[in-house]
Amino acid sequence: ILAGIVVTTVPIAAGYAFGRLVLKIHPVYLLGGITGSMTSGASLSVVTKAANSSLPSLGYTGAYAFANVLLTVAGSIILYF
C-alpha cells in the first residue's frame, strides 16, 4: 500500500514543483495540466470548482491528449518486451 501511495504522489508533487519553480506556470493552469496528465476528468472537476473558473481546462486539454498517446505507445512497448 505504501508503494502505491509513493508511486501516485511523487510524480504529481515533482511535476507541480517543476512547473512552479522552474517553468513558473500559474497554479491554475498547472493543476489543470497535472489532472490532464493523469487523464482524470474527476480531478479536473474538483480543480475547476476550487478555482471557481474554467481556466484549468486550458491546461488539461493538451496534457490529456499527450497522455493518451503516450499510454497507447507505452502499452505497446511493454507488450513487445
N, C-alpha and C. Protein backbone atom coordinates (compact mmCIF):
# COMPACT_ATOMS: atom_id res chain seq x y z
N ILE A 1 0.84 -1.19 0.00
CA ILE A 1 0.00 0.00 0.00
C ILE A 1 0.88 1.25 0.00
N LEU A 2 1.94 1.21 0.78
CA LEU A 2 2.85 2.36 0.84
C LEU A 2 3.50 2.64 -0.51
N ALA A 3 3.89 1.59 -1.22
CA ALA A 3 4.49 1.77 -2.54
C ALA A 3 3.48 2.41 -3.51
N GLY A 4 2.23 2.02 -3.42
CA GLY A 4 1.19 2.62 -4.26
C GLY A 4 1.00 4.10 -3.98
N ILE A 5 1.06 4.46 -2.70
CA ILE A 5 0.93 5.87 -2.32
C ILE A 5 2.11 6.67 -2.85
N VAL A 6 3.31 6.13 -2.73
CA VAL A 6 4.52 6.82 -3.21
C VAL A 6 4.50 6.97 -4.73
N VAL A 7 4.16 5.89 -5.43
CA VAL A 7 4.13 5.92 -6.90
C VAL A 7 3.08 6.90 -7.41
N THR A 8 2.03 7.11 -6.66
CA THR A 8 0.97 8.02 -7.08
C THR A 8 1.31 9.47 -6.76
N THR A 9 1.85 9.74 -5.59
CA THR A 9 2.04 11.13 -5.16
C THR A 9 3.36 11.76 -5.60
N VAL A 10 4.42 10.99 -5.71
CA VAL A 10 5.72 11.57 -6.06
C VAL A 10 5.72 12.22 -7.45
N PRO A 11 5.21 11.57 -8.51
CA PRO A 11 5.20 12.25 -9.82
C PRO A 11 4.35 13.52 -9.84
N ILE A 12 3.24 13.52 -9.10
CA ILE A 12 2.39 14.70 -9.05
C ILE A 12 3.11 15.84 -8.34
N ALA A 13 3.72 15.55 -7.21
CA ALA A 13 4.45 16.57 -6.46
C ALA A 13 5.66 17.07 -7.24
N ALA A 14 6.38 16.16 -7.90
CA ALA A 14 7.54 16.57 -8.70
C ALA A 14 7.12 17.43 -9.89
N GLY A 15 6.03 17.05 -10.54
CA GLY A 15 5.52 17.84 -11.67
C GLY A 15 5.07 19.23 -11.24
N TYR A 16 4.42 19.29 -10.09
CA TYR A 16 3.96 20.59 -9.58
C TYR A 16 5.15 21.45 -9.21
N ALA A 17 6.12 20.88 -8.51
CA ALA A 17 7.31 21.65 -8.11
C ALA A 17 8.08 22.13 -9.33
N PHE A 18 8.26 21.28 -10.32
CA PHE A 18 8.99 21.67 -11.54
C PHE A 18 8.23 22.77 -12.28
N GLY A 19 6.93 22.61 -12.40
CA GLY A 19 6.12 23.61 -13.09
C GLY A 19 6.13 24.97 -12.41
N ARG A 20 6.07 24.98 -11.09
CA ARG A 20 6.04 26.25 -10.35
C ARG A 20 7.42 26.88 -10.25
N LEU A 21 8.43 26.10 -9.88
CA LEU A 21 9.74 26.66 -9.59
C LEU A 21 10.58 26.90 -10.83
N VAL A 22 10.54 25.99 -11.78
CA VAL A 22 11.40 26.11 -12.97
C VAL A 22 10.67 26.81 -14.11
N LEU A 23 9.48 26.33 -14.43
CA LEU A 23 8.75 26.88 -15.58
C LEU A 23 7.90 28.10 -15.23
N LYS A 24 7.66 28.33 -13.96
CA LYS A 24 6.89 29.48 -13.47
C LYS A 24 5.48 29.52 -14.07
N ILE A 25 4.82 28.37 -14.11
CA ILE A 25 3.46 28.27 -14.63
C ILE A 25 2.49 28.64 -13.51
N HIS A 26 1.45 29.37 -13.86
CA HIS A 26 0.41 29.75 -12.90
C HIS A 26 -0.24 28.48 -12.35
N PRO A 27 -0.51 28.42 -11.04
CA PRO A 27 -1.05 27.20 -10.43
C PRO A 27 -2.35 26.69 -11.06
N VAL A 28 -3.20 27.59 -11.52
CA VAL A 28 -4.47 27.16 -12.12
C VAL A 28 -4.22 26.34 -13.38
N TYR A 29 -3.36 26.82 -14.26
CA TYR A 29 -3.04 26.09 -15.48
C TYR A 29 -2.25 24.82 -15.16
N LEU A 30 -1.37 24.92 -14.19
CA LEU A 30 -0.53 23.78 -13.82
C LEU A 30 -1.36 22.64 -13.25
N LEU A 31 -2.28 22.94 -12.38
CA LEU A 31 -3.13 21.88 -11.82
C LEU A 31 -4.03 21.27 -12.89
N GLY A 32 -4.47 22.09 -13.83
CA GLY A 32 -5.23 21.54 -14.96
C GLY A 32 -4.37 20.60 -15.80
N GLY A 33 -3.12 20.98 -16.03
CA GLY A 33 -2.21 20.12 -16.78
C GLY A 33 -1.89 18.83 -16.06
N ILE A 34 -1.74 18.92 -14.75
CA ILE A 34 -1.46 17.70 -13.97
C ILE A 34 -2.66 16.76 -14.01
N THR A 35 -3.86 17.28 -13.91
CA THR A 35 -5.03 16.41 -13.99
C THR A 35 -5.16 15.81 -15.38
N GLY A 36 -4.77 16.57 -16.40
CA GLY A 36 -4.78 16.03 -17.76
C GLY A 36 -3.76 14.92 -17.95
N SER A 37 -2.60 15.09 -17.35
CA SER A 37 -1.58 14.04 -17.46
C SER A 37 -2.00 12.78 -16.73
N MET A 38 -2.85 12.92 -15.73
CA MET A 38 -3.38 11.76 -15.02
C MET A 38 -4.61 11.20 -15.74
N THR A 39 -5.06 11.87 -16.80
CA THR A 39 -6.28 11.54 -17.55
C THR A 39 -7.46 11.36 -16.60
N SER A 40 -7.62 12.32 -15.71
CA SER A 40 -8.66 12.23 -14.68
C SER A 40 -9.64 13.38 -14.82
N GLY A 41 -10.78 13.08 -15.41
CA GLY A 41 -11.83 14.09 -15.54
C GLY A 41 -12.42 14.50 -14.20
N ALA A 42 -12.47 13.56 -13.28
CA ALA A 42 -13.00 13.88 -11.94
C ALA A 42 -12.10 14.89 -11.23
N SER A 43 -10.79 14.75 -11.39
CA SER A 43 -9.86 15.71 -10.78
C SER A 43 -10.01 17.09 -11.41
N LEU A 44 -10.25 17.12 -12.71
CA LEU A 44 -10.46 18.41 -13.37
C LEU A 44 -11.69 19.10 -12.80
N SER A 45 -12.73 18.34 -12.54
CA SER A 45 -13.94 18.90 -11.95
C SER A 45 -13.65 19.53 -10.59
N VAL A 46 -12.86 18.85 -9.78
CA VAL A 46 -12.51 19.36 -8.45
C VAL A 46 -11.67 20.63 -8.57
N VAL A 47 -10.67 20.62 -9.46
CA VAL A 47 -9.80 21.79 -9.63
C VAL A 47 -10.59 22.97 -10.19
N THR A 48 -11.48 22.71 -11.13
CA THR A 48 -12.29 23.78 -11.72
C THR A 48 -13.21 24.39 -10.68
N LYS A 49 -13.79 23.55 -9.84
CA LYS A 49 -14.67 24.05 -8.79
C LYS A 49 -13.88 24.85 -7.74
N ALA A 50 -12.69 24.37 -7.39
CA ALA A 50 -11.86 25.07 -6.40
C ALA A 50 -11.36 26.41 -6.94
N ALA A 51 -11.04 26.45 -8.23
CA ALA A 51 -10.56 27.69 -8.84
C ALA A 51 -11.71 28.65 -9.13
N ASN A 52 -12.92 28.14 -9.10
CA ASN A 52 -14.11 28.95 -9.41
C ASN A 52 -14.00 29.55 -10.81
N SER A 53 -13.42 28.77 -11.72
CA SER A 53 -13.16 29.23 -13.08
C SER A 53 -12.98 28.01 -13.98
N SER A 54 -13.13 28.22 -15.28
CA SER A 54 -12.90 27.13 -16.23
C SER A 54 -11.47 27.17 -16.80
N LEU A 55 -10.60 28.01 -16.27
CA LEU A 55 -9.23 28.12 -16.77
C LEU A 55 -8.41 26.84 -16.65
N PRO A 56 -8.61 25.99 -15.63
CA PRO A 56 -7.82 24.75 -15.59
C PRO A 56 -8.03 23.86 -16.82
N SER A 57 -9.15 24.02 -17.49
CA SER A 57 -9.42 23.23 -18.69
C SER A 57 -8.41 23.52 -19.80
N LEU A 58 -7.84 24.72 -19.81
CA LEU A 58 -6.84 25.06 -20.82
C LEU A 58 -5.57 24.22 -20.64
N GLY A 59 -5.18 23.99 -19.41
CA GLY A 59 -4.02 23.14 -19.15
C GLY A 59 -4.33 21.67 -19.33
N TYR A 60 -5.58 21.30 -19.11
CA TYR A 60 -6.00 19.91 -19.16
C TYR A 60 -5.96 19.33 -20.57
N THR A 61 -6.43 20.08 -21.55
CA THR A 61 -6.67 19.52 -22.88
C THR A 61 -5.40 19.00 -23.54
N GLY A 62 -4.34 19.80 -23.57
CA GLY A 62 -3.10 19.36 -24.21
C GLY A 62 -2.46 18.20 -23.48
N ALA A 63 -2.43 18.27 -22.17
CA ALA A 63 -1.82 17.18 -21.38
C ALA A 63 -2.62 15.89 -21.52
N TYR A 64 -3.93 16.00 -21.60
CA TYR A 64 -4.79 14.82 -21.74
C TYR A 64 -4.52 14.11 -23.07
N ALA A 65 -4.45 14.89 -24.14
CA ALA A 65 -4.19 14.30 -25.46
C ALA A 65 -2.81 13.63 -25.50
N PHE A 66 -1.80 14.31 -24.97
CA PHE A 66 -0.45 13.76 -24.95
C PHE A 66 -0.39 12.49 -24.10
N ALA A 67 -1.05 12.50 -22.96
CA ALA A 67 -1.03 11.34 -22.06
C ALA A 67 -1.70 10.14 -22.70
N ASN A 68 -2.79 10.36 -23.42
CA ASN A 68 -3.47 9.23 -24.07
C ASN A 68 -2.60 8.60 -25.15
N VAL A 69 -1.91 9.42 -25.92
CA VAL A 69 -1.00 8.89 -26.94
C VAL A 69 0.15 8.14 -26.27
N LEU A 70 0.72 8.74 -25.23
CA LEU A 70 1.83 8.11 -24.52
C LEU A 70 1.42 6.79 -23.88
N LEU A 71 0.22 6.72 -23.31
CA LEU A 71 -0.26 5.47 -22.71
C LEU A 71 -0.40 4.37 -23.76
N THR A 72 -0.87 4.73 -24.94
CA THR A 72 -1.03 3.74 -26.00
C THR A 72 0.33 3.23 -26.48
N VAL A 73 1.27 4.14 -26.69
CA VAL A 73 2.61 3.75 -27.15
C VAL A 73 3.33 2.95 -26.07
N ALA A 74 3.24 3.39 -24.82
CA ALA A 74 3.92 2.69 -23.73
C ALA A 74 3.36 1.28 -23.55
N GLY A 75 2.05 1.12 -23.70
CA GLY A 75 1.45 -0.21 -23.61
C GLY A 75 1.98 -1.14 -24.68
N SER A 76 2.13 -0.64 -25.89
CA SER A 76 2.67 -1.45 -26.98
C SER A 76 4.13 -1.82 -26.73
N ILE A 77 4.90 -0.87 -26.21
CA ILE A 77 6.30 -1.14 -25.92
C ILE A 77 6.44 -2.18 -24.80
N ILE A 78 5.61 -2.07 -23.77
CA ILE A 78 5.67 -3.04 -22.68
C ILE A 78 5.33 -4.44 -23.17
N LEU A 79 4.33 -4.57 -24.04
CA LEU A 79 3.97 -5.87 -24.57
C LEU A 79 5.05 -6.43 -25.48
N TYR A 80 5.79 -5.57 -26.14
CA TYR A 80 6.85 -6.02 -27.04
C TYR A 80 7.99 -6.67 -26.26
N PHE A 81 8.31 -6.09 -25.11
CA PHE A 81 9.42 -6.64 -24.32
C PHE A 81 8.86 -7.62 -23.35
